[in-house]
Full PDB file with SEQRES, HELIX, SHEET, SSBOND, CRYST1, ORIGX, SCALE, CONECT and MASTER records, all heavy atoms in Angstrom:
SEQRES   1 A   40  ALA PRO GLY LYS GLU ARG GLU GLY VAL SER CYS ILE SER          
SEQRES   2 A   40  SER SER ASP GLY SER THR PHE TYR VAL ASP SER VAL LYS          
SEQRES   3 A   40  GLY ARG PHE THR VAL SER ARG ASP ASN ALA LYS ARG THR          
SEQRES   4 A   40  VAL                                                          
HELIX    1 AA1 ASP A   23  VAL A   25  5                                   3    
HELIX    2 AA2 ASN A   35  LYS A   37  5                                   3    
SHEET    1 AA1 2 SER A  10  ILE A  12  0                                        
SHEET    2 AA1 2 THR A  19  TYR A  21 -1                                        
CRYST1    1.000    1.000    1.000  90.00  90.00  90.00 P 1           1          
ORIGX1      1.000000  0.000000  0.000000        0.00000                         
ORIGX2      0.000000  1.000000  0.000000        0.00000                         
ORIGX3      0.000000  0.000000  1.000000        0.00000                         
SCALE1      1.000000  0.000000  0.000000        0.00000                         
SCALE2      0.000000  1.000000  0.000000        0.00000                         
SCALE3      0.000000  0.000000  1.000000        0.00000                         
ATOM      1  N   ALA A   1       0.840  -1.187   0.000  1.00  0.00           N  
ATOM      2  CA  ALA A   1       0.000   0.000   0.000  1.00  0.00           C  
ATOM      3  C   ALA A   1       0.878   1.240   0.000  1.00  0.00           C  
ATOM      4  O   ALA A   1       2.032   1.196   0.440  1.00  0.00           O  
ATOM      5  CB  ALA A   1      -0.918  -0.012   1.217  1.00  0.00           C  
ATOM      6  N   PRO A   2       0.341   2.368  -0.458  1.00  0.00           N  
ATOM      7  CA  PRO A   2       1.132   3.601  -0.465  1.00  0.00           C  
ATOM      8  C   PRO A   2       1.667   3.933   0.921  1.00  0.00           C  
ATOM      9  O   PRO A   2       0.923   3.942   1.903  1.00  0.00           O  
ATOM     10  CB  PRO A   2       0.137   4.656  -0.948  1.00  0.00           C  
ATOM     11  CG  PRO A   2      -0.855   3.891  -1.753  1.00  0.00           C  
ATOM     12  CD  PRO A   2      -0.989   2.567  -1.059  1.00  0.00           C  
ATOM     13  N   GLY A   3       2.956   4.196   1.002  1.00  0.00           N  
ATOM     14  CA  GLY A   3       3.571   4.585   2.253  1.00  0.00           C  
ATOM     15  C   GLY A   3       3.784   3.464   3.243  1.00  0.00           C  
ATOM     16  O   GLY A   3       4.188   3.738   4.384  1.00  0.00           O  
ATOM     17  N   LYS A   4       3.537   2.218   2.853  1.00  0.00           N  
ATOM     18  CA  LYS A   4       3.675   1.082   3.762  1.00  0.00           C  
ATOM     19  C   LYS A   4       4.618   0.042   3.173  1.00  0.00           C  
ATOM     20  O   LYS A   4       4.875   0.016   1.972  1.00  0.00           O  
ATOM     21  CB  LYS A   4       2.313   0.445   4.043  1.00  0.00           C  
ATOM     22  CG  LYS A   4       1.308   1.375   4.687  1.00  0.00           C  
ATOM     23  CD  LYS A   4      -0.011   0.685   4.955  1.00  0.00           C  
ATOM     24  CE  LYS A   4       0.116  -0.363   6.033  1.00  0.00           C  
ATOM     25  NZ  LYS A   4      -1.211  -0.977   6.366  1.00  0.00           N  
ATOM     26  N   GLU A   5       5.138  -0.803   4.041  1.00  0.00           N  
ATOM     27  CA  GLU A   5       5.999  -1.883   3.597  1.00  0.00           C  
ATOM     28  C   GLU A   5       5.186  -2.977   2.923  1.00  0.00           C  
ATOM     29  O   GLU A   5       4.004  -3.162   3.212  1.00  0.00           O  
ATOM     30  CB  GLU A   5       6.777  -2.468   4.778  1.00  0.00           C  
ATOM     31  CG  GLU A   5       7.765  -1.509   5.406  1.00  0.00           C  
ATOM     32  CD  GLU A   5       8.582  -2.158   6.493  1.00  0.00           C  
ATOM     33  OE1 GLU A   5       8.297  -3.312   6.858  1.00  0.00           O  
ATOM     34  OE2 GLU A   5       9.513  -1.506   6.980  1.00  0.00           O  
ATOM     35  N   ARG A   6       5.835  -3.714   2.040  1.00  0.00           N  
ATOM     36  CA  ARG A   6       5.183  -4.834   1.392  1.00  0.00           C  
ATOM     37  C   ARG A   6       4.915  -5.945   2.400  1.00  0.00           C  
ATOM     38  O   ARG A   6       5.771  -6.262   3.233  1.00  0.00           O  
ATOM     39  CB  ARG A   6       6.050  -5.350   0.244  1.00  0.00           C  
ATOM     40  CG  ARG A   6       5.381  -6.412  -0.600  1.00  0.00           C  
ATOM     41  CD  ARG A   6       5.960  -6.456  -1.995  1.00  0.00           C  
ATOM     42  NE  ARG A   6       7.403  -6.621  -1.991  1.00  0.00           N  
ATOM     43  CZ  ARG A   6       8.160  -6.484  -3.070  1.00  0.00           C  
ATOM     44  NH1 ARG A   6       7.613  -6.149  -4.234  1.00  0.00           N  
ATOM     45  NH2 ARG A   6       9.465  -6.652  -2.974  1.00  0.00           N  
ATOM     46  N   GLU A   7       3.728  -6.530   2.335  1.00  0.00           N  
ATOM     47  CA  GLU A   7       3.345  -7.581   3.253  1.00  0.00           C  
ATOM     48  C   GLU A   7       2.870  -8.811   2.499  1.00  0.00           C  
ATOM     49  O   GLU A   7       2.360  -8.716   1.381  1.00  0.00           O  
ATOM     50  CB  GLU A   7       2.236  -7.104   4.191  1.00  0.00           C  
ATOM     51  CG  GLU A   7       0.933  -6.778   3.491  1.00  0.00           C  
ATOM     52  CD  GLU A   7      -0.211  -6.488   4.446  1.00  0.00           C  
ATOM     53  OE1 GLU A   7      -0.115  -6.862   5.630  1.00  0.00           O  
ATOM     54  OE2 GLU A   7      -1.209  -5.888   4.006  1.00  0.00           O  
ATOM     55  N   GLY A   8       3.028  -9.962   3.124  1.00  0.00           N  
ATOM     56  CA  GLY A   8       2.486 -11.185   2.571  1.00  0.00           C  
ATOM     57  C   GLY A   8       0.984 -11.249   2.764  1.00  0.00           C  
ATOM     58  O   GLY A   8       0.458 -10.835   3.801  1.00  0.00           O  
ATOM     59  N   VAL A   9       0.285 -11.765   1.775  1.00  0.00           N  
ATOM     60  CA  VAL A   9      -1.172 -11.861   1.794  1.00  0.00           C  
ATOM     61  C   VAL A   9      -1.640 -13.306   1.821  1.00  0.00           C  
ATOM     62  O   VAL A   9      -2.511 -13.682   2.614  1.00  0.00           O  
ATOM     63  CB  VAL A   9      -1.783 -11.132   0.586  1.00  0.00           C  
ATOM     64  CG1 VAL A   9      -3.297 -11.291   0.569  1.00  0.00           C  
ATOM     65  CG2 VAL A   9      -1.390  -9.663   0.595  1.00  0.00           C  
ATOM     66  N   SER A  10      -1.085 -14.125   0.936  1.00  0.00           N  
ATOM     67  CA  SER A  10      -1.559 -15.490   0.777  1.00  0.00           C  
ATOM     68  C   SER A  10      -0.472 -16.329   0.141  1.00  0.00           C  
ATOM     69  O   SER A  10       0.473 -15.804  -0.454  1.00  0.00           O  
ATOM     70  CB  SER A  10      -2.832 -15.505  -0.080  1.00  0.00           C  
ATOM     71  OG  SER A  10      -3.374 -16.808  -0.179  1.00  0.00           O  
ATOM     72  N   CYS A  11      -0.634 -17.656   0.244  1.00  0.00           N  
ATOM     73  CA  CYS A  11       0.347 -18.571  -0.319  1.00  0.00           C  
ATOM     74  C   CYS A  11      -0.340 -19.890  -0.617  1.00  0.00           C  
ATOM     75  O   CYS A  11      -1.225 -20.318   0.134  1.00  0.00           O  
ATOM     76  CB  CYS A  11       1.500 -18.771   0.669  1.00  0.00           C  
ATOM     77  SG  CYS A  11       2.996 -19.517  -0.003  1.00  0.00           S  
ATOM     78  N   ILE A  12       0.072 -20.544  -1.706  1.00  0.00           N  
ATOM     79  CA  ILE A  12      -0.463 -21.853  -2.054  1.00  0.00           C  
ATOM     80  C   ILE A  12       0.702 -22.779  -2.375  1.00  0.00           C  
ATOM     81  O   ILE A  12       1.601 -22.433  -3.138  1.00  0.00           O  
ATOM     82  CB  ILE A  12      -1.479 -21.774  -3.211  1.00  0.00           C  
ATOM     83  CG1 ILE A  12      -2.085 -23.151  -3.489  1.00  0.00           C  
ATOM     84  CG2 ILE A  12      -0.869 -21.166  -4.468  1.00  0.00           C  
ATOM     85  CD1 ILE A  12      -3.345 -23.092  -4.332  1.00  0.00           C  
ATOM     86  N   SER A  13       0.674 -23.961  -1.773  1.00  0.00           N  
ATOM     87  CA  SER A  13       1.768 -24.910  -1.903  1.00  0.00           C  
ATOM     88  C   SER A  13       1.759 -25.583  -3.265  1.00  0.00           C  
ATOM     89  O   SER A  13       0.722 -25.687  -3.930  1.00  0.00           O  
ATOM     90  CB  SER A  13       1.675 -25.978  -0.815  1.00  0.00           C  
ATOM     91  OG  SER A  13       1.755 -25.417   0.477  1.00  0.00           O  
ATOM     92  N   SER A  14       2.922 -26.071  -3.666  1.00  0.00           N  
ATOM     93  CA  SER A  14       3.024 -26.834  -4.905  1.00  0.00           C  
ATOM     94  C   SER A  14       2.661 -28.294  -4.717  1.00  0.00           C  
ATOM     95  O   SER A  14       2.077 -28.904  -5.602  1.00  0.00           O  
ATOM     96  CB  SER A  14       4.440 -26.738  -5.468  1.00  0.00           C  
ATOM     97  OG  SER A  14       5.374 -27.373  -4.612  1.00  0.00           O  
ATOM     98  N   SER A  15       3.006 -28.874  -3.570  1.00  0.00           N  
ATOM     99  CA  SER A  15       2.905 -30.307  -3.367  1.00  0.00           C  
ATOM    100  C   SER A  15       1.481 -30.782  -3.122  1.00  0.00           C  
ATOM    101  O   SER A  15       1.006 -31.705  -3.786  1.00  0.00           O  
ATOM    102  CB  SER A  15       3.799 -30.741  -2.209  1.00  0.00           C  
ATOM    103  OG  SER A  15       3.488 -30.025  -1.029  1.00  0.00           O  
ATOM    104  N   ASP A  16       0.791 -30.171  -2.176  1.00  0.00           N  
ATOM    105  CA  ASP A  16      -0.542 -30.627  -1.804  1.00  0.00           C  
ATOM    106  C   ASP A  16      -1.627 -29.571  -1.983  1.00  0.00           C  
ATOM    107  O   ASP A  16      -2.783 -29.828  -1.645  1.00  0.00           O  
ATOM    108  CB  ASP A  16      -0.557 -31.145  -0.371  1.00  0.00           C  
ATOM    109  CG  ASP A  16      -0.171 -30.099   0.653  1.00  0.00           C  
ATOM    110  OD1 ASP A  16       0.003 -28.918   0.279  1.00  0.00           O  
ATOM    111  OD2 ASP A  16      -0.035 -30.454   1.838  1.00  0.00           O  
ATOM    112  N   GLY A  17      -1.277 -28.408  -2.478  1.00  0.00           N  
ATOM    113  CA  GLY A  17      -2.259 -27.366  -2.704  1.00  0.00           C  
ATOM    114  C   GLY A  17      -2.766 -26.684  -1.457  1.00  0.00           C  
ATOM    115  O   GLY A  17      -3.790 -25.986  -1.522  1.00  0.00           O  
ATOM    116  N   SER A  18      -2.096 -26.852  -0.331  1.00  0.00           N  
ATOM    117  CA  SER A  18      -2.513 -26.190   0.897  1.00  0.00           C  
ATOM    118  C   SER A  18      -2.460 -24.683   0.731  1.00  0.00           C  
ATOM    119  O   SER A  18      -1.578 -24.148   0.051  1.00  0.00           O  
ATOM    120  CB  SER A  18      -1.624 -26.613   2.065  1.00  0.00           C  
ATOM    121  OG  SER A  18      -1.725 -28.006   2.303  1.00  0.00           O  
ATOM    122  N   THR A  19      -3.401 -23.990   1.360  1.00  0.00           N  
ATOM    123  CA  THR A  19      -3.503 -22.542   1.237  1.00  0.00           C  
ATOM    124  C   THR A  19      -3.335 -21.867   2.581  1.00  0.00           C  
ATOM    125  O   THR A  19      -3.706 -22.418   3.625  1.00  0.00           O  
ATOM    126  CB  THR A  19      -4.846 -22.136   0.615  1.00  0.00           C  
ATOM    127  OG1 THR A  19      -5.919 -22.654   1.418  1.00  0.00           O  
ATOM    128  CG2 THR A  19      -4.972 -22.689  -0.791  1.00  0.00           C  
ATOM    129  N   PHE A  20      -2.814 -20.651   2.546  1.00  0.00           N  
ATOM    130  CA  PHE A  20      -2.503 -19.897   3.750  1.00  0.00           C  
ATOM    131  C   PHE A  20      -2.811 -18.432   3.511  1.00  0.00           C  
ATOM    132  O   PHE A  20      -2.690 -17.930   2.387  1.00  0.00           O  
ATOM    133  CB  PHE A  20      -1.027 -20.074   4.128  1.00  0.00           C  
ATOM    134  CG  PHE A  20      -0.646 -21.506   4.341  1.00  0.00           C  
ATOM    135  CD1 PHE A  20      -0.290 -22.307   3.269  1.00  0.00           C  
ATOM    136  CD2 PHE A  20      -0.664 -22.058   5.604  1.00  0.00           C  
ATOM    137  CE1 PHE A  20       0.049 -23.639   3.455  1.00  0.00           C  
ATOM    138  CE2 PHE A  20      -0.331 -23.383   5.808  1.00  0.00           C  
ATOM    139  CZ  PHE A  20       0.025 -24.170   4.732  1.00  0.00           C  
ATOM    140  N   TYR A  21      -3.195 -17.730   4.592  1.00  0.00           N  
ATOM    141  CA  TYR A  21      -3.615 -16.349   4.480  1.00  0.00           C  
ATOM    142  C   TYR A  21      -3.154 -15.556   5.692  1.00  0.00           C  
ATOM    143  O   TYR A  21      -3.103 -16.070   6.813  1.00  0.00           O  
ATOM    144  CB  TYR A  21      -5.137 -16.236   4.397  1.00  0.00           C  
ATOM    145  CG  TYR A  21      -5.734 -17.040   3.281  1.00  0.00           C  
ATOM    146  CD1 TYR A  21      -6.148 -18.349   3.492  1.00  0.00           C  
ATOM    147  CD2 TYR A  21      -5.877 -16.493   2.014  1.00  0.00           C  
ATOM    148  CE1 TYR A  21      -6.688 -19.102   2.463  1.00  0.00           C  
ATOM    149  CE2 TYR A  21      -6.420 -17.240   0.980  1.00  0.00           C  
ATOM    150  CZ  TYR A  21      -6.824 -18.544   1.213  1.00  0.00           C  
ATOM    151  OH  TYR A  21      -7.363 -19.281   0.182  1.00  0.00           O  
ATOM    152  N   VAL A  22      -2.868 -14.292   5.463  1.00  0.00           N  
ATOM    153  CA  VAL A  22      -2.642 -13.393   6.572  1.00  0.00           C  
ATOM    154  C   VAL A  22      -3.989 -13.130   7.253  1.00  0.00           C  
ATOM    155  O   VAL A  22      -5.049 -13.187   6.617  1.00  0.00           O  
ATOM    156  CB  VAL A  22      -1.985 -12.086   6.074  1.00  0.00           C  
ATOM    157  CG1 VAL A  22      -2.948 -11.250   5.268  1.00  0.00           C  
ATOM    158  CG2 VAL A  22      -1.402 -11.298   7.228  1.00  0.00           C  
ATOM    159  N   ASP A  23      -3.956 -12.872   8.560  1.00  0.00           N  
ATOM    160  CA  ASP A  23      -5.189 -12.777   9.330  1.00  0.00           C  
ATOM    161  C   ASP A  23      -6.168 -11.756   8.758  1.00  0.00           C  
ATOM    162  O   ASP A  23      -7.388 -11.973   8.781  1.00  0.00           O  
ATOM    163  CB  ASP A  23      -4.880 -12.421  10.783  1.00  0.00           C  
ATOM    164  CG  ASP A  23      -4.300 -13.574  11.565  1.00  0.00           C  
ATOM    165  OD1 ASP A  23      -4.362 -14.723  11.080  1.00  0.00           O  
ATOM    166  OD2 ASP A  23      -3.784 -13.337  12.674  1.00  0.00           O  
ATOM    167  N   SER A  24      -5.675 -10.660   8.238  1.00  0.00           N  
ATOM    168  CA  SER A  24      -6.549  -9.585   7.802  1.00  0.00           C  
ATOM    169  C   SER A  24      -7.408  -9.941   6.590  1.00  0.00           C  
ATOM    170  O   SER A  24      -8.389  -9.248   6.311  1.00  0.00           O  
ATOM    171  CB  SER A  24      -5.726  -8.333   7.490  1.00  0.00           C  
ATOM    172  OG  SER A  24      -4.794  -8.573   6.457  1.00  0.00           O  
ATOM    173  N   VAL A  25      -7.074 -11.010   5.864  1.00  0.00           N  
ATOM    174  CA  VAL A  25      -7.850 -11.393   4.685  1.00  0.00           C  
ATOM    175  C   VAL A  25      -8.518 -12.746   4.832  1.00  0.00           C  
ATOM    176  O   VAL A  25      -9.259 -13.155   3.920  1.00  0.00           O  
ATOM    177  CB  VAL A  25      -6.997 -11.372   3.404  1.00  0.00           C  
ATOM    178  CG1 VAL A  25      -6.257 -10.049   3.270  1.00  0.00           C  
ATOM    179  CG2 VAL A  25      -6.015 -12.540   3.361  1.00  0.00           C  
ATOM    180  N   LYS A  26      -8.323 -13.440   5.927  1.00  0.00           N  
ATOM    181  CA  LYS A  26      -8.949 -14.745   6.113  1.00  0.00           C  
ATOM    182  C   LYS A  26     -10.466 -14.622   6.049  1.00  0.00           C  
ATOM    183  O   LYS A  26     -11.055 -13.737   6.663  1.00  0.00           O  
ATOM    184  CB  LYS A  26      -8.529 -15.353   7.449  1.00  0.00           C  
ATOM    185  CG  LYS A  26      -7.113 -15.866   7.477  1.00  0.00           C  
ATOM    186  CD  LYS A  26      -6.759 -16.461   8.836  1.00  0.00           C  
ATOM    187  CE  LYS A  26      -5.334 -16.982   8.847  1.00  0.00           C  
ATOM    188  NZ  LYS A  26      -4.946 -17.493  10.183  1.00  0.00           N  
ATOM    189  N   GLY A  27     -11.073 -15.520   5.300  1.00  0.00           N  
ATOM    190  CA  GLY A  27     -12.510 -15.493   5.120  1.00  0.00           C  
ATOM    191  C   GLY A  27     -12.971 -14.609   3.993  1.00  0.00           C  
ATOM    192  O   GLY A  27     -14.146 -14.680   3.604  1.00  0.00           O  
ATOM    193  N   ARG A  28     -12.087 -13.781   3.456  1.00  0.00           N  
ATOM    194  CA  ARG A  28     -12.441 -12.884   2.358  1.00  0.00           C  
ATOM    195  C   ARG A  28     -11.714 -13.218   1.057  1.00  0.00           C  
ATOM    196  O   ARG A  28     -12.269 -13.022  -0.018  1.00  0.00           O  
ATOM    197  CB  ARG A  28     -12.139 -11.432   2.737  1.00  0.00           C  
ATOM    198  CG  ARG A  28     -12.912 -10.935   3.945  1.00  0.00           C  
ATOM    199  CD  ARG A  28     -12.754  -9.429   4.119  1.00  0.00           C  
ATOM    200  NE  ARG A  28     -11.361  -9.047   4.338  1.00  0.00           N  
ATOM    201  CZ  ARG A  28     -10.669  -8.221   3.553  1.00  0.00           C  
ATOM    202  NH1 ARG A  28     -11.254  -7.691   2.474  1.00  0.00           N  
ATOM    203  NH2 ARG A  28      -9.415  -7.918   3.832  1.00  0.00           N  
ATOM    204  N   PHE A  29     -10.479 -13.679   1.157  1.00  0.00           N  
ATOM    205  CA  PHE A  29      -9.673 -13.989  -0.017  1.00  0.00           C  
ATOM    206  C   PHE A  29      -9.520 -15.494  -0.151  1.00  0.00           C  
ATOM    207  O   PHE A  29      -9.432 -16.217   0.854  1.00  0.00           O  
ATOM    208  CB  PHE A  29      -8.280 -13.374   0.097  1.00  0.00           C  
ATOM    209  CG  PHE A  29      -8.212 -11.877  -0.002  1.00  0.00           C  
ATOM    210  CD1 PHE A  29      -9.356 -11.096   0.042  1.00  0.00           C  
ATOM    211  CD2 PHE A  29      -6.983 -11.259  -0.137  1.00  0.00           C  
ATOM    212  CE1 PHE A  29      -9.281  -9.712  -0.042  1.00  0.00           C  
ATOM    213  CE2 PHE A  29      -6.896  -9.884  -0.222  1.00  0.00           C  
ATOM    214  CZ  PHE A  29      -8.037  -9.112  -0.177  1.00  0.00           C  
ATOM    215  N   THR A  30      -9.447 -15.969  -1.395  1.00  0.00           N  
ATOM    216  CA  THR A  30      -9.237 -17.376  -1.683  1.00  0.00           C  
ATOM    217  C   THR A  30      -8.180 -17.508  -2.775  1.00  0.00           C  
ATOM    218  O   THR A  30      -8.330 -16.938  -3.853  1.00  0.00           O  
ATOM    219  CB  THR A  30     -10.528 -18.065  -2.141  1.00  0.00           C  
ATOM    220  OG1 THR A  30     -11.535 -17.928  -1.132  1.00  0.00           O  
ATOM    221  CG2 THR A  30     -10.278 -19.550  -2.389  1.00  0.00           C  
ATOM    222  N   VAL A  31      -7.128 -18.260  -2.495  1.00  0.00           N  
ATOM    223  CA  VAL A  31      -6.085 -18.500  -3.482  1.00  0.00           C  
ATOM    224  C   VAL A  31      -6.259 -19.903  -4.063  1.00  0.00           C  
ATOM    225  O   VAL A  31      -6.637 -20.837  -3.348  1.00  0.00           O  
ATOM    226  CB  VAL A  31      -4.682 -18.315  -2.861  1.00  0.00           C  
ATOM    227  CG1 VAL A  31      -4.391 -19.363  -1.793  1.00  0.00           C  
ATOM    228  CG2 VAL A  31      -3.605 -18.322  -3.936  1.00  0.00           C  
ATOM    229  N   SER A  32      -6.007 -20.043  -5.350  1.00  0.00           N  
ATOM    230  CA  SER A  32      -6.103 -21.338  -6.018  1.00  0.00           C  
ATOM    231  C   SER A  32      -5.080 -21.380  -7.143  1.00  0.00           C  
ATOM    232  O   SER A  32      -4.521 -20.352  -7.528  1.00  0.00           O  
ATOM    233  CB  SER A  32      -7.519 -21.583  -6.548  1.00  0.00           C  
ATOM    234  OG  SER A  32      -7.890 -20.588  -7.488  1.00  0.00           O  
ATOM    235  N   ARG A  33      -4.846 -22.584  -7.663  1.00  0.00           N  
ATOM    236  CA  ARG A  33      -3.905 -22.706  -8.775  1.00  0.00           C  
ATOM    237  C   ARG A  33      -4.377 -23.746  -9.762  1.00  0.00           C  
ATOM    238  O   ARG A  33      -5.062 -24.712  -9.407  1.00  0.00           O  
ATOM    239  CB  ARG A  33      -2.491 -23.037  -8.274  1.00  0.00           C  
ATOM    240  CG  ARG A  33      -2.304 -24.414  -7.678  1.00  0.00           C  
ATOM    241  CD  ARG A  33      -0.939 -24.527  -6.996  1.00  0.00           C  
ATOM    242  NE  ARG A  33       0.153 -24.446  -7.958  1.00  0.00           N  
ATOM    243  CZ  ARG A  33       1.420 -24.177  -7.630  1.00  0.00           C  
ATOM    244  NH1 ARG A  33       1.739 -23.941  -6.350  1.00  0.00           N  
ATOM    245  NH2 ARG A  33       2.357 -24.130  -8.570  1.00  0.00           N  
ATOM    246  N   ASP A  34      -3.993 -23.542 -11.012  1.00  0.00           N  
ATOM    247  CA  ASP A  34      -4.272 -24.463 -12.099  1.00  0.00           C  
ATOM    248  C   ASP A  34      -2.939 -24.724 -12.778  1.00  0.00           C  
ATOM    249  O   ASP A  34      -2.467 -23.908 -13.575  1.00  0.00           O  
ATOM    250  CB  ASP A  34      -5.288 -23.870 -13.072  1.00  0.00           C  
ATOM    251  CG  ASP A  34      -5.708 -24.830 -14.160  1.00  0.00           C  
ATOM    252  OD1 ASP A  34      -4.949 -25.758 -14.479  1.00  0.00           O  
ATOM    253  OD2 ASP A  34      -6.815 -24.652 -14.706  1.00  0.00           O  
ATOM    254  N   ASN A  35      -2.331 -25.844 -12.444  1.00  0.00           N  
ATOM    255  CA  ASN A  35      -0.993 -26.116 -12.959  1.00  0.00           C  
ATOM    256  C   ASN A  35      -0.983 -26.311 -14.472  1.00  0.00           C  
ATOM    257  O   ASN A  35       0.013 -25.981 -15.129  1.00  0.00           O  
ATOM    258  CB  ASN A  35      -0.399 -27.339 -12.267  1.00  0.00           C  
ATOM    259  CG  ASN A  35       0.020 -27.053 -10.838  1.00  0.00           C  
ATOM    260  OD1 ASN A  35       0.166 -25.897 -10.443  1.00  0.00           O  
ATOM    261  ND2 ASN A  35       0.216 -28.100 -10.057  1.00  0.00           N  
ATOM    262  N   ALA A  36      -2.051 -26.851 -15.026  1.00  0.00           N  
ATOM    263  CA  ALA A  36      -2.117 -27.026 -16.472  1.00  0.00           C  
ATOM    264  C   ALA A  36      -2.072 -25.688 -17.193  1.00  0.00           C  
ATOM    265  O   ALA A  36      -1.518 -25.590 -18.290  1.00  0.00           O  
ATOM    266  CB  ALA A  36      -3.373 -27.801 -16.859  1.00  0.00           C  
ATOM    267  N   LYS A  37      -2.672 -24.667 -16.595  1.00  0.00           N  
ATOM    268  CA  LYS A  37      -2.660 -23.328 -17.172  1.00  0.00           C  
ATOM    269  C   LYS A  37      -1.514 -22.472 -16.647  1.00  0.00           C  
ATOM    270  O   LYS A  37      -1.390 -21.315 -17.054  1.00  0.00           O  
ATOM    271  CB  LYS A  37      -3.986 -22.627 -16.903  1.00  0.00           C  
ATOM    272  CG  LYS A  37      -5.178 -23.292 -17.555  1.00  0.00           C  
ATOM    273  CD  LYS A  37      -6.456 -22.521 -17.267  1.00  0.00           C  
ATOM    274  CE  LYS A  37      -7.650 -23.162 -17.952  1.00  0.00           C  
ATOM    275  NZ  LYS A  37      -8.913 -22.440 -17.650  1.00  0.00           N  
ATOM    276  N   ARG A  38      -0.714 -23.023 -15.769  1.00  0.00           N  
ATOM    277  CA  ARG A  38       0.399 -22.299 -15.162  1.00  0.00           C  
ATOM    278  C   ARG A  38      -0.069 -20.975 -14.567  1.00  0.00           C  
ATOM    279  O   ARG A  38       0.566 -19.927 -14.746  1.00  0.00           O  
ATOM    280  CB  ARG A  38       1.509 -22.079 -16.190  1.00  0.00           C  
ATOM    281  CG  ARG A  38       2.055 -23.369 -16.785  1.00  0.00           C  
ATOM    282  CD  ARG A  38       3.089 -23.104 -17.866  1.00  0.00           C  
ATOM    283  NE  ARG A  38       4.225 -22.365 -17.358  1.00  0.00           N  
ATOM    284  CZ  ARG A  38       5.271 -22.907 -16.752  1.00  0.00           C  
ATOM    285  NH1 ARG A  38       5.339 -24.219 -16.581  1.00  0.00           N  
ATOM    286  NH2 ARG A  38       6.260 -22.126 -16.329  1.00  0.00           N  
ATOM    287  N   THR A  39      -1.175 -21.025 -13.852  1.00  0.00           N  
ATOM    288  CA  THR A  39      -1.822 -19.821 -13.355  1.00  0.00           C  
ATOM    289  C   THR A  39      -2.238 -19.994 -11.905  1.00  0.00           C  
ATOM    290  O   THR A  39      -2.720 -21.057 -11.508  1.00  0.00           O  
ATOM    291  CB  THR A  39      -3.057 -19.486 -14.211  1.00  0.00           C  
ATOM    292  OG1 THR A  39      -2.664 -19.307 -15.575  1.00  0.00           O  
ATOM    293  CG2 THR A  39      -3.709 -18.204 -13.717  1.00  0.00           C  
ATOM    294  N   VAL A  40      -2.051 -18.938 -11.129  1.00  0.00           N  
ATOM    295  CA  VAL A  40      -2.548 -18.836  -9.765  1.00  0.00           C  
ATOM    296  C   VAL A  40      -3.539 -17.692  -9.705  1.00  0.00           C  
ATOM    297  O   VAL A  40      -3.341 -16.652 -10.348  1.00  0.00           O  
ATOM    298  CB  VAL A  40      -1.399 -18.623  -8.765  1.00  0.00           C  
ATOM    299  CG1 VAL A  40      -1.933 -18.247  -7.389  1.00  0.00           C  
ATOM    300  CG2 VAL A  40      -0.558 -19.883  -8.662  1.00  0.00           C  
TER     301      VAL A  40                                                      
MASTER        0    0    0    2    2    0    0    6  300    1    0    4          
END                                                                             
């Protein structure tokens, strides 16, 4: 954000597809991946 340090928001694993979120976005953001499309 403007004037703020960069922060982590979310992460998705390669091996089992586990997902993780920073507390401020839990329940609002959803991360997913499609390896065939090489897209997250």
